[in-house]
Amino acid sequence: LRALGWIPVAVFFNDHVLSLATVKGRSMQPTLNPDSSHMIQDIVLLNRYAAVESASGTGQGGFKVGDIVALKSPTDPKQLLIKRIIGLPGSIVTTLPPHPHRSVRIPAGHCWVEGDERYHSRDSNAYGPIPLGLVNARVVGVLWPPR
């Protein structure tokens, strides 16, 4: 019975501090899932506190261009995406097909994310600028497989 008292603490920790995610697909190769085998998928550690910092009013929180982040898909909130931040509010990014424009200025409260494997990634080139509110964690490192 005493152990049950830790459940709310564990849930809070998982939702707001650190958690784990499995990386699926090729979109972040070669950084994540470098082996094309579907048998081995990277498990990454997520810093969810970075998103709490973002929501606290600084605009972009601790997120920087180049960070690998976890975000809710703009078209399916149940799906977690892992992408790299390419642009933050005010920056101008060069787009890739299928985006209809050659470049985009990132509006306030948004970011631009792309997969490292550009031709196997559904990212801001398909969705457009992503609301920072959908970004819920920064990837801290790969826990499995060991590297």
N, C-alpha and C. Protein backbone atom coordinates (compact mmCIF):
# COMPACT_ATOMS: atom_id res chain seq x y z
N LEU A 1 0.83 -1.20 0.00
CA LEU A 1 0.00 0.00 0.00
C LEU A 1 0.87 1.26 0.00
N ARG A 2 1.98 1.18 0.69
CA ARG A 2 2.88 2.33 0.77
C ARG A 2 3.45 2.70 -0.60
N ALA A 3 3.69 1.67 -1.41
CA ALA A 3 4.24 1.90 -2.75
C ALA A 3 3.26 2.66 -3.63
N LEU A 4 1.98 2.52 -3.39
CA LEU A 4 0.97 3.22 -4.20
C LEU A 4 1.10 4.73 -4.07
N GLY A 5 1.62 5.20 -2.95
CA GLY A 5 1.81 6.64 -2.76
C GLY A 5 2.80 7.24 -3.74
N TRP A 6 3.67 6.41 -4.31
CA TRP A 6 4.66 6.89 -5.28
C TRP A 6 4.11 7.01 -6.70
N ILE A 7 2.96 6.43 -6.95
CA ILE A 7 2.40 6.46 -8.31
C ILE A 7 2.18 7.90 -8.79
N PRO A 8 1.54 8.78 -8.02
CA PRO A 8 1.38 10.16 -8.51
C PRO A 8 2.72 10.85 -8.77
N VAL A 9 3.71 10.56 -7.94
CA VAL A 9 5.04 11.16 -8.14
C VAL A 9 5.63 10.66 -9.46
N ALA A 10 5.52 9.36 -9.71
CA ALA A 10 6.06 8.79 -10.95
C ALA A 10 5.34 9.35 -12.18
N VAL A 11 4.03 9.49 -12.10
CA VAL A 11 3.26 10.05 -13.22
C VAL A 11 3.67 11.50 -13.47
N PHE A 12 3.77 12.29 -12.41
CA PHE A 12 4.20 13.68 -12.56
C PHE A 12 5.58 13.76 -13.19
N PHE A 13 6.52 12.95 -12.70
CA PHE A 13 7.89 12.93 -13.21
C PHE A 13 7.89 12.59 -14.70
N ASN A 14 7.12 11.57 -15.09
CA ASN A 14 7.05 11.15 -16.50
C ASN A 14 6.42 12.22 -17.38
N ASP A 15 5.41 12.91 -16.89
CA ASP A 15 4.70 13.91 -17.69
C ASP A 15 5.39 15.26 -17.75
N HIS A 16 6.19 15.60 -16.73
CA HIS A 16 6.72 16.97 -16.65
C HIS A 16 8.23 17.09 -16.54
N VAL A 17 8.93 15.99 -16.30
CA VAL A 17 10.38 16.10 -16.10
C VAL A 17 11.13 15.28 -17.15
N LEU A 18 11.15 13.98 -17.01
CA LEU A 18 11.85 13.10 -17.95
C LEU A 18 10.97 11.93 -18.33
N SER A 19 11.08 11.48 -19.57
CA SER A 19 10.37 10.28 -20.00
C SER A 19 11.14 9.64 -21.14
N LEU A 20 10.65 8.52 -21.62
CA LEU A 20 11.28 7.78 -22.71
C LEU A 20 10.37 7.77 -23.92
N ALA A 21 10.98 7.65 -25.11
CA ALA A 21 10.21 7.51 -26.35
C ALA A 21 10.97 6.58 -27.28
N THR A 22 10.22 5.83 -28.07
CA THR A 22 10.80 4.97 -29.09
C THR A 22 10.75 5.73 -30.41
N VAL A 23 11.88 5.76 -31.11
CA VAL A 23 11.96 6.45 -32.40
C VAL A 23 11.62 5.44 -33.49
N LYS A 24 10.62 5.78 -34.30
CA LYS A 24 10.19 4.89 -35.37
C LYS A 24 10.51 5.54 -36.71
N GLY A 25 10.87 4.73 -37.67
CA GLY A 25 11.07 5.22 -39.02
C GLY A 25 12.46 5.74 -39.30
N ARG A 26 12.63 6.25 -40.52
CA ARG A 26 13.93 6.67 -41.04
C ARG A 26 14.14 8.17 -41.03
N SER A 27 13.16 8.95 -40.61
CA SER A 27 13.22 10.39 -40.82
C SER A 27 14.38 11.09 -40.12
N MET A 28 14.92 10.51 -39.06
CA MET A 28 16.03 11.15 -38.34
C MET A 28 17.37 10.45 -38.57
N GLN A 29 17.44 9.61 -39.60
CA GLN A 29 18.73 8.96 -39.93
C GLN A 29 19.69 9.99 -40.49
N PRO A 30 20.96 9.93 -40.22
CA PRO A 30 21.67 8.88 -39.49
C PRO A 30 21.77 9.16 -37.98
N THR A 31 21.23 10.28 -37.51
CA THR A 31 21.35 10.63 -36.09
C THR A 31 20.65 9.61 -35.20
N LEU A 32 19.41 9.27 -35.53
CA LEU A 32 18.63 8.30 -34.77
C LEU A 32 18.21 7.17 -35.71
N ASN A 33 18.11 5.97 -35.18
CA ASN A 33 17.81 4.77 -35.96
C ASN A 33 18.76 4.62 -37.15
N PRO A 34 20.09 4.67 -36.91
CA PRO A 34 21.03 4.59 -38.03
C PRO A 34 20.97 3.26 -38.77
N ASP A 35 20.56 2.20 -38.08
CA ASP A 35 20.40 0.89 -38.70
C ASP A 35 19.02 0.86 -39.33
N SER A 36 18.94 0.56 -40.61
CA SER A 36 17.65 0.58 -41.32
C SER A 36 16.73 -0.56 -40.90
N SER A 37 17.23 -1.48 -40.10
CA SER A 37 16.42 -2.61 -39.65
C SER A 37 15.25 -2.11 -38.81
N HIS A 38 14.09 -2.67 -39.06
CA HIS A 38 12.92 -2.33 -38.24
C HIS A 38 12.95 -3.06 -36.91
N MET A 39 13.90 -3.98 -36.76
CA MET A 39 14.02 -4.75 -35.52
C MET A 39 14.64 -3.91 -34.40
N ILE A 40 15.52 -2.97 -34.76
CA ILE A 40 16.20 -2.16 -33.76
C ILE A 40 15.72 -0.72 -33.88
N GLN A 41 15.08 -0.24 -32.83
CA GLN A 41 14.62 1.15 -32.80
C GLN A 41 15.27 1.84 -31.62
N ASP A 42 15.71 3.09 -31.84
CA ASP A 42 16.33 3.84 -30.75
C ASP A 42 15.29 4.19 -29.69
N ILE A 43 15.72 4.12 -28.44
CA ILE A 43 14.92 4.62 -27.32
C ILE A 43 15.66 5.84 -26.79
N VAL A 44 14.95 6.97 -26.76
CA VAL A 44 15.58 8.23 -26.38
C VAL A 44 15.00 8.75 -25.06
N LEU A 45 15.83 9.52 -24.36
CA LEU A 45 15.42 10.18 -23.12
C LEU A 45 14.93 11.58 -23.47
N LEU A 46 13.74 11.92 -23.00
CA LEU A 46 13.12 13.22 -23.29
C LEU A 46 13.14 14.11 -22.05
N ASN A 47 13.59 15.35 -22.23
CA ASN A 47 13.52 16.37 -21.18
C ASN A 47 12.22 17.14 -21.39
N ARG A 48 11.21 16.80 -20.63
CA ARG A 48 9.91 17.47 -20.76
C ARG A 48 9.90 18.83 -20.08
N TYR A 49 10.84 19.06 -19.19
CA TYR A 49 10.91 20.36 -18.51
C TYR A 49 11.19 21.48 -19.49
N ALA A 50 11.86 21.20 -20.60
CA ALA A 50 12.12 22.22 -21.62
C ALA A 50 10.82 22.80 -22.15
N ALA A 51 9.79 21.97 -22.29
CA ALA A 51 8.49 22.46 -22.76
C ALA A 51 7.80 23.29 -21.68
N VAL A 52 8.00 22.94 -20.42
CA VAL A 52 7.45 23.73 -19.31
C VAL A 52 8.07 25.12 -19.33
N GLU A 53 9.39 25.20 -19.56
CA GLU A 53 10.07 26.49 -19.67
C GLU A 53 9.48 27.30 -20.81
N SER A 54 9.19 26.64 -21.93
CA SER A 54 8.63 27.33 -23.09
C SER A 54 7.26 27.91 -22.77
N ALA A 55 6.44 27.15 -22.07
CA ALA A 55 5.08 27.60 -21.75
C ALA A 55 5.06 28.68 -20.69
N SER A 56 6.18 28.89 -20.01
CA SER A 56 6.19 29.85 -18.91
C SER A 56 6.30 31.30 -19.37
N GLY A 57 6.38 31.51 -20.69
CA GLY A 57 6.30 32.88 -21.16
C GLY A 57 7.53 33.42 -21.86
N THR A 58 8.59 32.65 -21.99
CA THR A 58 9.78 33.16 -22.66
C THR A 58 9.64 33.08 -24.18
N GLY A 59 8.60 32.46 -24.67
CA GLY A 59 8.37 32.40 -26.10
C GLY A 59 8.87 31.13 -26.73
N GLN A 60 10.14 30.79 -26.54
CA GLN A 60 10.67 29.58 -27.14
C GLN A 60 11.33 28.69 -26.10
N GLY A 61 11.27 29.10 -24.85
CA GLY A 61 11.83 28.29 -23.78
C GLY A 61 13.30 28.05 -23.98
N GLY A 62 13.75 26.87 -23.65
CA GLY A 62 15.14 26.53 -23.82
C GLY A 62 15.43 25.96 -25.19
N PHE A 63 14.47 25.96 -26.10
CA PHE A 63 14.69 25.38 -27.42
C PHE A 63 15.59 26.26 -28.26
N LYS A 64 16.51 25.60 -28.99
CA LYS A 64 17.43 26.30 -29.88
C LYS A 64 17.39 25.64 -31.24
N VAL A 65 17.79 26.38 -32.27
CA VAL A 65 17.94 25.78 -33.59
C VAL A 65 18.97 24.66 -33.46
N GLY A 66 18.65 23.52 -34.03
CA GLY A 66 19.52 22.35 -33.95
C GLY A 66 19.08 21.33 -32.93
N ASP A 67 18.22 21.73 -31.98
CA ASP A 67 17.72 20.78 -30.99
C ASP A 67 16.86 19.71 -31.66
N ILE A 68 17.00 18.48 -31.19
CA ILE A 68 16.08 17.42 -31.59
C ILE A 68 14.98 17.40 -30.54
N VAL A 69 13.74 17.46 -31.00
CA VAL A 69 12.60 17.60 -30.09
C VAL A 69 11.52 16.56 -30.38
N ALA A 70 10.67 16.35 -29.39
CA ALA A 70 9.48 15.53 -29.55
C ALA A 70 8.29 16.47 -29.62
N LEU A 71 7.38 16.20 -30.53
CA LEU A 71 6.21 17.05 -30.68
C LEU A 71 5.00 16.23 -31.09
N LYS A 72 3.83 16.76 -30.79
CA LYS A 72 2.60 16.14 -31.26
C LYS A 72 2.43 16.46 -32.73
N SER A 73 2.01 15.49 -33.50
CA SER A 73 1.75 15.72 -34.91
C SER A 73 0.63 16.75 -35.06
N PRO A 74 0.81 17.72 -35.96
CA PRO A 74 -0.25 18.72 -36.17
C PRO A 74 -1.54 18.12 -36.74
N THR A 75 -1.43 16.93 -37.36
CA THR A 75 -2.62 16.32 -37.95
C THR A 75 -3.19 15.18 -37.11
N ASP A 76 -2.39 14.65 -36.17
CA ASP A 76 -2.84 13.55 -35.31
C ASP A 76 -2.20 13.70 -33.94
N PRO A 77 -2.88 14.37 -33.00
CA PRO A 77 -2.28 14.66 -31.70
C PRO A 77 -1.87 13.42 -30.90
N LYS A 78 -2.35 12.23 -31.29
CA LYS A 78 -1.94 11.00 -30.60
C LYS A 78 -0.57 10.52 -31.07
N GLN A 79 -0.10 11.05 -32.20
CA GLN A 79 1.17 10.61 -32.76
C GLN A 79 2.31 11.53 -32.30
N LEU A 80 3.38 10.92 -31.78
CA LEU A 80 4.56 11.66 -31.35
C LEU A 80 5.58 11.65 -32.47
N LEU A 81 6.07 12.83 -32.84
CA LEU A 81 7.10 12.96 -33.87
C LEU A 81 8.42 13.36 -33.21
N ILE A 82 9.53 12.92 -33.78
CA ILE A 82 10.86 13.34 -33.34
C ILE A 82 11.50 14.04 -34.54
N LYS A 83 11.81 15.33 -34.39
CA LYS A 83 12.36 16.13 -35.48
C LYS A 83 13.40 17.10 -34.93
N ARG A 84 14.11 17.77 -35.84
CA ARG A 84 15.11 18.77 -35.47
C ARG A 84 14.55 20.17 -35.73
N ILE A 85 14.77 21.09 -34.78
CA ILE A 85 14.33 22.48 -34.98
C ILE A 85 15.28 23.15 -35.96
N ILE A 86 14.71 23.69 -37.02
CA ILE A 86 15.47 24.38 -38.07
C ILE A 86 15.31 25.89 -37.93
N GLY A 87 14.15 26.34 -37.48
CA GLY A 87 13.91 27.78 -37.33
C GLY A 87 12.97 28.08 -36.18
N LEU A 88 13.20 29.23 -35.56
CA LEU A 88 12.38 29.71 -34.44
C LEU A 88 11.72 31.03 -34.84
N PRO A 89 10.82 31.57 -34.02
CA PRO A 89 10.09 32.78 -34.40
C PRO A 89 11.00 33.89 -34.93
N GLY A 90 10.59 34.43 -36.09
CA GLY A 90 11.33 35.54 -36.71
C GLY A 90 12.36 35.11 -37.73
N SER A 91 12.79 33.86 -37.70
CA SER A 91 13.81 33.43 -38.66
C SER A 91 13.16 33.09 -40.00
N ILE A 92 13.98 33.13 -41.04
CA ILE A 92 13.53 32.77 -42.39
C ILE A 92 14.21 31.45 -42.75
N VAL A 93 13.41 30.47 -43.18
CA VAL A 93 13.95 29.16 -43.55
C VAL A 93 13.70 28.90 -45.03
N THR A 94 14.61 28.17 -45.63
CA THR A 94 14.45 27.71 -47.01
C THR A 94 13.71 26.39 -46.96
N THR A 95 12.67 26.27 -47.73
CA THR A 95 11.82 25.08 -47.68
C THR A 95 12.21 24.07 -48.75
N LEU A 96 11.63 22.91 -48.64
CA LEU A 96 11.78 21.82 -49.61
C LEU A 96 10.39 21.41 -50.08
N PRO A 97 10.30 20.77 -51.25
CA PRO A 97 9.00 20.23 -51.65
C PRO A 97 8.50 19.26 -50.58
N PRO A 98 7.23 19.20 -50.29
CA PRO A 98 6.09 19.72 -51.04
C PRO A 98 5.64 21.12 -50.63
N HIS A 99 6.44 21.84 -49.82
CA HIS A 99 6.01 23.17 -49.40
C HIS A 99 5.87 24.08 -50.62
N PRO A 100 4.78 24.87 -50.70
CA PRO A 100 4.51 25.67 -51.90
C PRO A 100 5.40 26.91 -52.07
N HIS A 101 6.14 27.33 -51.05
CA HIS A 101 6.97 28.54 -51.15
C HIS A 101 8.43 28.18 -50.96
N ARG A 102 9.33 29.00 -51.55
CA ARG A 102 10.78 28.74 -51.43
C ARG A 102 11.32 29.05 -50.05
N SER A 103 10.73 30.03 -49.40
CA SER A 103 11.17 30.38 -48.05
C SER A 103 9.96 30.84 -47.23
N VAL A 104 10.13 30.76 -45.92
CA VAL A 104 9.04 31.11 -45.00
C VAL A 104 9.64 31.83 -43.80
N ARG A 105 8.99 32.92 -43.38
CA ARG A 105 9.36 33.57 -42.12
C ARG A 105 8.52 32.90 -41.03
N ILE A 106 9.19 32.46 -39.97
CA ILE A 106 8.50 31.75 -38.90
C ILE A 106 7.76 32.76 -38.02
N PRO A 107 6.43 32.60 -37.90
CA PRO A 107 5.65 33.55 -37.09
C PRO A 107 5.89 33.36 -35.59
N ALA A 108 5.50 34.34 -34.82
CA ALA A 108 5.60 34.27 -33.35
C ALA A 108 4.88 33.02 -32.85
N GLY A 109 5.48 32.37 -31.86
CA GLY A 109 4.85 31.21 -31.25
C GLY A 109 4.96 29.93 -32.06
N HIS A 110 5.80 29.94 -33.10
CA HIS A 110 5.93 28.77 -33.98
C HIS A 110 7.41 28.41 -34.16
N CYS A 111 7.63 27.23 -34.74
CA CYS A 111 8.97 26.81 -35.12
C CYS A 111 8.88 26.02 -36.42
N TRP A 112 10.03 25.76 -37.01
CA TRP A 112 10.12 24.94 -38.23
C TRP A 112 10.93 23.71 -37.87
N VAL A 113 10.38 22.52 -38.12
CA VAL A 113 11.07 21.27 -37.81
C VAL A 113 11.23 20.44 -39.07
N GLU A 114 12.34 19.72 -39.14
CA GLU A 114 12.59 18.81 -40.26
C GLU A 114 13.28 17.57 -39.74
N GLY A 115 13.12 16.48 -40.49
CA GLY A 115 13.88 15.27 -40.21
C GLY A 115 15.26 15.39 -40.82
N ASP A 116 16.24 14.69 -40.25
CA ASP A 116 17.59 14.73 -40.80
C ASP A 116 17.65 14.05 -42.16
N GLU A 117 16.83 13.04 -42.39
CA GLU A 117 16.75 12.37 -43.69
C GLU A 117 15.61 13.04 -44.45
N ARG A 118 15.96 14.13 -45.11
CA ARG A 118 14.95 15.03 -45.68
C ARG A 118 13.96 14.38 -46.63
N TYR A 119 14.40 13.36 -47.35
CA TYR A 119 13.52 12.78 -48.36
C TYR A 119 12.68 11.62 -47.81
N HIS A 120 12.79 11.35 -46.52
CA HIS A 120 11.96 10.34 -45.87
C HIS A 120 11.34 10.90 -44.60
N SER A 121 10.94 12.17 -44.65
CA SER A 121 10.43 12.82 -43.45
C SER A 121 9.17 13.62 -43.77
N ARG A 122 8.17 13.43 -42.94
CA ARG A 122 6.98 14.29 -43.00
C ARG A 122 7.17 15.30 -41.88
N ASP A 123 7.35 16.57 -42.28
CA ASP A 123 7.76 17.60 -41.32
C ASP A 123 7.16 18.94 -41.72
N SER A 124 7.79 20.03 -41.33
CA SER A 124 7.25 21.36 -41.62
C SER A 124 7.13 21.63 -43.12
N ASN A 125 7.88 20.93 -43.93
CA ASN A 125 7.73 21.10 -45.38
C ASN A 125 6.35 20.63 -45.84
N ALA A 126 5.73 19.74 -45.08
CA ALA A 126 4.36 19.30 -45.36
C ALA A 126 3.35 20.06 -44.51
N TYR A 127 3.69 20.33 -43.24
CA TYR A 127 2.74 20.94 -42.30
C TYR A 127 2.80 22.46 -42.26
N GLY A 128 3.96 23.04 -42.60
CA GLY A 128 4.17 24.47 -42.39
C GLY A 128 4.73 24.70 -40.99
N PRO A 129 4.81 25.96 -40.55
CA PRO A 129 5.31 26.24 -39.21
C PRO A 129 4.47 25.53 -38.15
N ILE A 130 5.15 25.02 -37.13
CA ILE A 130 4.51 24.23 -36.08
C ILE A 130 4.33 25.11 -34.83
N PRO A 131 3.14 25.14 -34.23
CA PRO A 131 3.00 25.88 -32.97
C PRO A 131 3.95 25.31 -31.90
N LEU A 132 4.66 26.18 -31.22
CA LEU A 132 5.57 25.74 -30.16
C LEU A 132 4.84 24.97 -29.07
N GLY A 133 3.55 25.20 -28.93
CA GLY A 133 2.76 24.46 -27.95
C GLY A 133 2.67 22.97 -28.23
N LEU A 134 2.95 22.55 -29.49
CA LEU A 134 2.95 21.13 -29.81
C LEU A 134 4.27 20.46 -29.46
N VAL A 135 5.31 21.26 -29.25
CA VAL A 135 6.63 20.71 -28.90
C VAL A 135 6.61 20.43 -27.41
N ASN A 136 6.75 19.15 -27.04
CA ASN A 136 6.60 18.82 -25.63
C ASN A 136 7.85 18.29 -24.94
N ALA A 137 8.98 18.22 -25.65
CA ALA A 137 10.22 17.76 -24.99
C ALA A 137 11.41 17.96 -25.91
N ARG A 138 12.59 18.01 -25.29
CA ARG A 138 13.86 18.00 -26.03
C ARG A 138 14.48 16.62 -25.84
N VAL A 139 15.01 16.05 -26.92
CA VAL A 139 15.71 14.77 -26.82
C VAL A 139 17.07 15.03 -26.18
N VAL A 140 17.34 14.32 -25.08
CA VAL A 140 18.58 14.50 -24.32
C VAL A 140 19.64 13.53 -24.81
N GLY A 141 19.25 12.32 -25.16
CA GLY A 141 20.22 11.34 -25.61
C GLY A 141 19.57 10.02 -25.93
N VAL A 142 20.36 9.13 -26.51
CA VAL A 142 19.91 7.79 -26.86
C VAL A 142 20.25 6.85 -25.71
N LEU A 143 19.24 6.15 -25.20
CA LEU A 143 19.47 5.18 -24.13
C LEU A 143 19.71 3.78 -24.67
N TRP A 144 19.04 3.45 -25.79
CA TRP A 144 19.18 2.13 -26.39
C TRP A 144 19.06 2.24 -27.89
N PRO A 145 19.83 1.55 -28.67
CA PRO A 145 20.92 0.67 -28.24
C PRO A 145 22.14 1.48 -27.81
N PRO A 146 23.00 0.88 -26.98
CA PRO A 146 24.19 1.61 -26.53
C PRO A 146 25.09 1.97 -27.70
N ARG A 147 25.67 3.16 -27.60
CA ARG A 147 26.58 3.61 -28.67
C ARG A 147 27.90 4.01 -28.09
